[in-house]
Amino acid sequence: MGSTLYVLDEPTSGLHPADVDRLIKQLNRLADAGNTIILVEHDMQVIAACDWVIDMGPGAGDEGGEVVGFGEPEQIAALEKSKTAAFLKRKLGE
């Protein structure tokens, strides 16, 4: 316990919004126990709850794949070049 790396790809896919809250609580428990969690995710509620975000872009497909920014969710929300920023800013209530 406490030394596991979890890599999850879109864990909210298909979940009801109430279940997203439950997922976040479970992920926080894993992290609080000393584990590392890496997520590929598009759900702003989950992204807003993360400790650290790596924003990839600037677009999707052939127009993506570069690091647009990284940092705490509030830092990503403040990035002018990030397409994620506006959505994250709303979720954070900024």
N, C-alpha and C. Protein backbone atom coordinates (compact mmCIF):
# COMPACT_ATOMS: atom_id res chain seq x y z
N MET A 1 0.84 -1.19 0.00
CA MET A 1 0.00 0.00 0.00
C MET A 1 0.88 1.24 0.00
N GLY A 2 0.58 2.15 -0.88
CA GLY A 2 1.29 3.42 -0.88
C GLY A 2 2.44 3.50 -1.84
N SER A 3 2.68 2.50 -2.63
CA SER A 3 3.79 2.58 -3.58
C SER A 3 3.40 2.09 -4.97
N THR A 4 2.13 2.26 -5.30
CA THR A 4 1.63 1.76 -6.57
C THR A 4 1.40 2.91 -7.54
N LEU A 5 1.71 2.68 -8.80
CA LEU A 5 1.43 3.64 -9.87
C LEU A 5 0.18 3.17 -10.60
N TYR A 6 -0.84 4.00 -10.62
CA TYR A 6 -2.07 3.71 -11.34
C TYR A 6 -2.11 4.59 -12.58
N VAL A 7 -2.37 4.00 -13.74
CA VAL A 7 -2.51 4.74 -14.99
C VAL A 7 -3.91 4.42 -15.52
N LEU A 8 -4.75 5.45 -15.61
CA LEU A 8 -6.14 5.27 -16.02
C LEU A 8 -6.44 6.12 -17.25
N ASP A 9 -7.09 5.51 -18.23
CA ASP A 9 -7.45 6.19 -19.47
C ASP A 9 -8.96 6.44 -19.48
N GLU A 10 -9.34 7.70 -19.34
CA GLU A 10 -10.75 8.12 -19.35
C GLU A 10 -11.62 7.32 -18.37
N PRO A 11 -11.26 7.33 -17.08
CA PRO A 11 -12.05 6.53 -16.13
C PRO A 11 -13.48 7.02 -15.94
N THR A 12 -13.81 8.24 -16.37
CA THR A 12 -15.18 8.73 -16.23
C THR A 12 -16.06 8.37 -17.41
N SER A 13 -15.49 7.80 -18.44
CA SER A 13 -16.25 7.47 -19.64
C SER A 13 -17.44 6.57 -19.30
N GLY A 14 -18.64 7.06 -19.59
CA GLY A 14 -19.85 6.30 -19.33
C GLY A 14 -20.40 6.41 -17.92
N LEU A 15 -19.72 7.13 -17.05
CA LEU A 15 -20.20 7.23 -15.67
C LEU A 15 -21.28 8.30 -15.54
N HIS A 16 -22.23 8.06 -14.64
CA HIS A 16 -23.22 9.05 -14.25
C HIS A 16 -22.47 10.12 -13.44
N PRO A 17 -22.90 11.40 -13.53
CA PRO A 17 -22.21 12.46 -12.75
C PRO A 17 -22.06 12.15 -11.27
N ALA A 18 -23.03 11.48 -10.67
CA ALA A 18 -22.92 11.12 -9.24
C ALA A 18 -21.78 10.13 -9.03
N ASP A 19 -21.55 9.29 -10.00
CA ASP A 19 -20.46 8.32 -9.89
C ASP A 19 -19.09 8.97 -10.08
N VAL A 20 -19.06 10.09 -10.79
CA VAL A 20 -17.80 10.82 -10.94
C VAL A 20 -17.35 11.32 -9.57
N ASP A 21 -18.27 11.81 -8.76
CA ASP A 21 -17.93 12.23 -7.39
C ASP A 21 -17.33 11.07 -6.60
N ARG A 22 -17.92 9.90 -6.73
CA ARG A 22 -17.44 8.71 -6.02
C ARG A 22 -16.04 8.32 -6.50
N LEU A 23 -15.83 8.42 -7.82
CA LEU A 23 -14.52 8.11 -8.39
C LEU A 23 -13.46 9.06 -7.83
N ILE A 24 -13.77 10.35 -7.79
CA ILE A 24 -12.81 11.34 -7.27
C ILE A 24 -12.46 11.02 -5.82
N LYS A 25 -13.44 10.65 -5.02
CA LYS A 25 -13.17 10.30 -3.62
C LYS A 25 -12.24 9.10 -3.53
N GLN A 26 -12.47 8.09 -4.36
CA GLN A 26 -11.61 6.90 -4.34
C GLN A 26 -10.19 7.23 -4.82
N LEU A 27 -10.09 8.05 -5.85
CA LEU A 27 -8.76 8.45 -6.33
C LEU A 27 -8.01 9.24 -5.27
N ASN A 28 -8.73 10.11 -4.56
CA ASN A 28 -8.10 10.87 -3.47
C ASN A 28 -7.62 9.95 -2.35
N ARG A 29 -8.39 8.92 -2.05
CA ARG A 29 -7.96 7.95 -1.02
C ARG A 29 -6.67 7.25 -1.44
N LEU A 30 -6.62 6.86 -2.72
CA LEU A 30 -5.40 6.21 -3.22
C LEU A 30 -4.20 7.15 -3.13
N ALA A 31 -4.40 8.40 -3.52
CA ALA A 31 -3.31 9.38 -3.48
C ALA A 31 -2.91 9.68 -2.03
N ASP A 32 -3.89 9.83 -1.15
CA ASP A 32 -3.59 10.10 0.27
C ASP A 32 -2.82 8.97 0.91
N ALA A 33 -2.96 7.76 0.37
CA ALA A 33 -2.23 6.60 0.90
C ALA A 33 -0.81 6.53 0.34
N GLY A 34 -0.44 7.51 -0.51
CA GLY A 34 0.92 7.56 -1.02
C GLY A 34 1.12 6.98 -2.40
N ASN A 35 0.04 6.66 -3.08
CA ASN A 35 0.13 6.14 -4.43
C ASN A 35 0.20 7.28 -5.44
N THR A 36 0.65 6.97 -6.64
CA THR A 36 0.69 7.94 -7.73
C THR A 36 -0.36 7.54 -8.75
N ILE A 37 -1.13 8.55 -9.21
CA ILE A 37 -2.20 8.30 -10.17
C ILE A 37 -2.00 9.20 -11.37
N ILE A 38 -1.98 8.59 -12.54
CA ILE A 38 -1.89 9.34 -13.79
C ILE A 38 -3.17 9.06 -14.56
N LEU A 39 -3.86 10.13 -14.97
CA LEU A 39 -5.12 10.01 -15.69
C LEU A 39 -5.03 10.67 -17.05
N VAL A 40 -5.62 10.06 -18.04
CA VAL A 40 -5.94 10.73 -19.29
C VAL A 40 -7.42 11.03 -19.15
N GLU A 41 -7.79 12.30 -19.14
CA GLU A 41 -9.17 12.65 -18.80
C GLU A 41 -9.60 13.94 -19.49
N HIS A 42 -10.91 14.02 -19.79
CA HIS A 42 -11.50 15.22 -20.37
C HIS A 42 -12.56 15.83 -19.47
N ASP A 43 -12.95 15.15 -18.42
CA ASP A 43 -13.99 15.63 -17.52
C ASP A 43 -13.40 16.74 -16.63
N MET A 44 -13.98 17.94 -16.76
CA MET A 44 -13.44 19.10 -16.03
C MET A 44 -13.56 18.96 -14.52
N GLN A 45 -14.56 18.25 -14.03
CA GLN A 45 -14.69 18.03 -12.59
C GLN A 45 -13.50 17.25 -12.06
N VAL A 46 -13.08 16.24 -12.80
CA VAL A 46 -11.93 15.43 -12.40
C VAL A 46 -10.65 16.24 -12.54
N ILE A 47 -10.51 16.96 -13.64
CA ILE A 47 -9.30 17.76 -13.86
C ILE A 47 -9.16 18.82 -12.77
N ALA A 48 -10.27 19.45 -12.40
CA ALA A 48 -10.24 20.48 -11.34
C ALA A 48 -9.82 19.89 -9.99
N ALA A 49 -10.06 18.60 -9.78
CA ALA A 49 -9.72 17.95 -8.51
C ALA A 49 -8.29 17.43 -8.47
N CYS A 50 -7.58 17.52 -9.58
CA CYS A 50 -6.20 17.00 -9.64
C CYS A 50 -5.21 17.91 -8.93
N ASP A 51 -4.11 17.33 -8.50
CA ASP A 51 -3.02 18.11 -7.91
C ASP A 51 -2.18 18.76 -9.00
N TRP A 52 -2.04 18.09 -10.14
CA TRP A 52 -1.14 18.52 -11.21
C TRP A 52 -1.76 18.14 -12.55
N VAL A 53 -1.71 19.07 -13.49
CA VAL A 53 -2.32 18.85 -14.81
C VAL A 53 -1.26 19.09 -15.89
N ILE A 54 -1.24 18.23 -16.87
CA ILE A 54 -0.44 18.45 -18.07
C ILE A 54 -1.45 18.61 -19.20
N ASP A 55 -1.54 19.82 -19.73
CA ASP A 55 -2.51 20.14 -20.77
C ASP A 55 -1.87 19.91 -22.13
N MET A 56 -2.44 18.98 -22.89
CA MET A 56 -1.92 18.64 -24.21
C MET A 56 -2.77 19.33 -25.27
N GLY A 57 -2.14 19.68 -26.37
CA GLY A 57 -2.90 20.35 -27.42
C GLY A 57 -1.99 20.70 -28.57
N PRO A 58 -2.21 21.80 -29.23
CA PRO A 58 -3.26 22.79 -28.94
C PRO A 58 -4.65 22.36 -29.37
N GLY A 59 -4.75 21.33 -30.20
CA GLY A 59 -6.04 20.82 -30.65
C GLY A 59 -6.04 19.31 -30.52
N ALA A 60 -6.89 18.67 -31.32
CA ALA A 60 -6.97 17.22 -31.29
C ALA A 60 -6.37 16.63 -32.56
N GLY A 61 -6.13 15.33 -32.54
CA GLY A 61 -5.62 14.65 -33.73
C GLY A 61 -4.30 15.19 -34.20
N ASP A 62 -4.21 15.52 -35.47
CA ASP A 62 -2.97 16.03 -36.06
C ASP A 62 -2.57 17.39 -35.50
N GLU A 63 -3.51 18.10 -34.90
CA GLU A 63 -3.22 19.43 -34.35
C GLU A 63 -2.88 19.39 -32.86
N GLY A 64 -2.73 18.19 -32.31
CA GLY A 64 -2.45 18.06 -30.88
C GLY A 64 -1.11 17.41 -30.64
N GLY A 65 -0.90 17.03 -29.39
CA GLY A 65 0.29 16.28 -29.06
C GLY A 65 1.43 17.07 -28.46
N GLU A 66 1.24 18.37 -28.29
CA GLU A 66 2.28 19.18 -27.67
C GLU A 66 1.83 19.59 -26.27
N VAL A 67 2.78 19.82 -25.40
CA VAL A 67 2.45 20.29 -24.05
C VAL A 67 2.13 21.78 -24.14
N VAL A 68 0.88 22.12 -23.82
CA VAL A 68 0.44 23.52 -23.83
C VAL A 68 0.83 24.17 -22.50
N GLY A 69 0.72 23.41 -21.43
CA GLY A 69 1.07 23.93 -20.12
C GLY A 69 0.99 22.83 -19.08
N PHE A 70 1.53 23.12 -17.92
CA PHE A 70 1.46 22.17 -16.81
C PHE A 70 1.49 22.93 -15.51
N GLY A 71 0.87 22.33 -14.50
CA GLY A 71 0.82 22.97 -13.19
C GLY A 71 -0.47 22.61 -12.49
N GLU A 72 -0.77 23.35 -11.46
CA GLU A 72 -2.01 23.15 -10.72
C GLU A 72 -3.18 23.58 -11.60
N PRO A 73 -4.39 23.05 -11.34
CA PRO A 73 -5.53 23.41 -12.18
C PRO A 73 -5.73 24.92 -12.35
N GLU A 74 -5.51 25.68 -11.31
CA GLU A 74 -5.66 27.14 -11.39
C GLU A 74 -4.67 27.76 -12.37
N GLN A 75 -3.48 27.19 -12.44
CA GLN A 75 -2.47 27.69 -13.38
C GLN A 75 -2.89 27.38 -14.82
N ILE A 76 -3.44 26.20 -15.06
CA ILE A 76 -3.89 25.84 -16.41
C ILE A 76 -5.06 26.73 -16.80
N ALA A 77 -5.97 27.00 -15.87
CA ALA A 77 -7.13 27.85 -16.15
C ALA A 77 -6.72 29.27 -16.55
N ALA A 78 -5.54 29.69 -16.16
CA ALA A 78 -5.07 31.04 -16.47
C ALA A 78 -4.29 31.14 -17.78
N LEU A 79 -4.03 30.01 -18.43
CA LEU A 79 -3.25 30.02 -19.67
C LEU A 79 -4.08 30.51 -20.85
N GLU A 80 -3.64 31.56 -21.50
CA GLU A 80 -4.36 32.09 -22.66
C GLU A 80 -4.30 31.14 -23.85
N LYS A 81 -3.21 30.41 -24.02
CA LYS A 81 -3.06 29.53 -25.18
C LYS A 81 -3.74 28.18 -25.02
N SER A 82 -4.33 27.93 -23.85
CA SER A 82 -4.96 26.64 -23.57
C SER A 82 -6.43 26.65 -23.96
N LYS A 83 -6.85 25.67 -24.75
CA LYS A 83 -8.27 25.52 -25.07
C LYS A 83 -9.03 24.94 -23.88
N THR A 84 -8.33 24.31 -22.98
CA THR A 84 -8.93 23.75 -21.77
C THR A 84 -9.25 24.83 -20.76
N ALA A 85 -8.51 25.92 -20.78
CA ALA A 85 -8.57 26.95 -19.74
C ALA A 85 -9.97 27.48 -19.48
N ALA A 86 -10.70 27.83 -20.52
CA ALA A 86 -12.03 28.42 -20.33
C ALA A 86 -12.98 27.46 -19.63
N PHE A 87 -12.93 26.19 -20.01
CA PHE A 87 -13.80 25.18 -19.40
C PHE A 87 -13.40 24.91 -17.95
N LEU A 88 -12.10 24.85 -17.72
CA LEU A 88 -11.59 24.60 -16.37
C LEU A 88 -11.87 25.79 -15.46
N LYS A 89 -11.73 26.98 -15.99
CA LYS A 89 -11.99 28.20 -15.22
C LYS A 89 -13.44 28.19 -14.71
N ARG A 90 -14.38 27.81 -15.56
CA ARG A 90 -15.79 27.74 -15.16
C ARG A 90 -15.99 26.70 -14.06
N LYS A 91 -15.34 25.56 -14.19
CA LYS A 91 -15.49 24.49 -13.19
C LYS A 91 -14.88 24.92 -11.86
N LEU A 92 -13.80 25.69 -11.90
CA LEU A 92 -13.16 26.17 -10.68
C LEU A 92 -13.91 27.36 -10.07
N GLY A 93 -14.87 27.92 -10.82
CA GLY A 93 -15.63 29.05 -10.32
C GLY A 93 -14.89 30.37 -10.39
N GLU A 94 -13.93 30.45 -11.31
CA GLU A 94 -13.15 31.69 -11.45
C GLU A 94 -13.81 32.63 -12.43
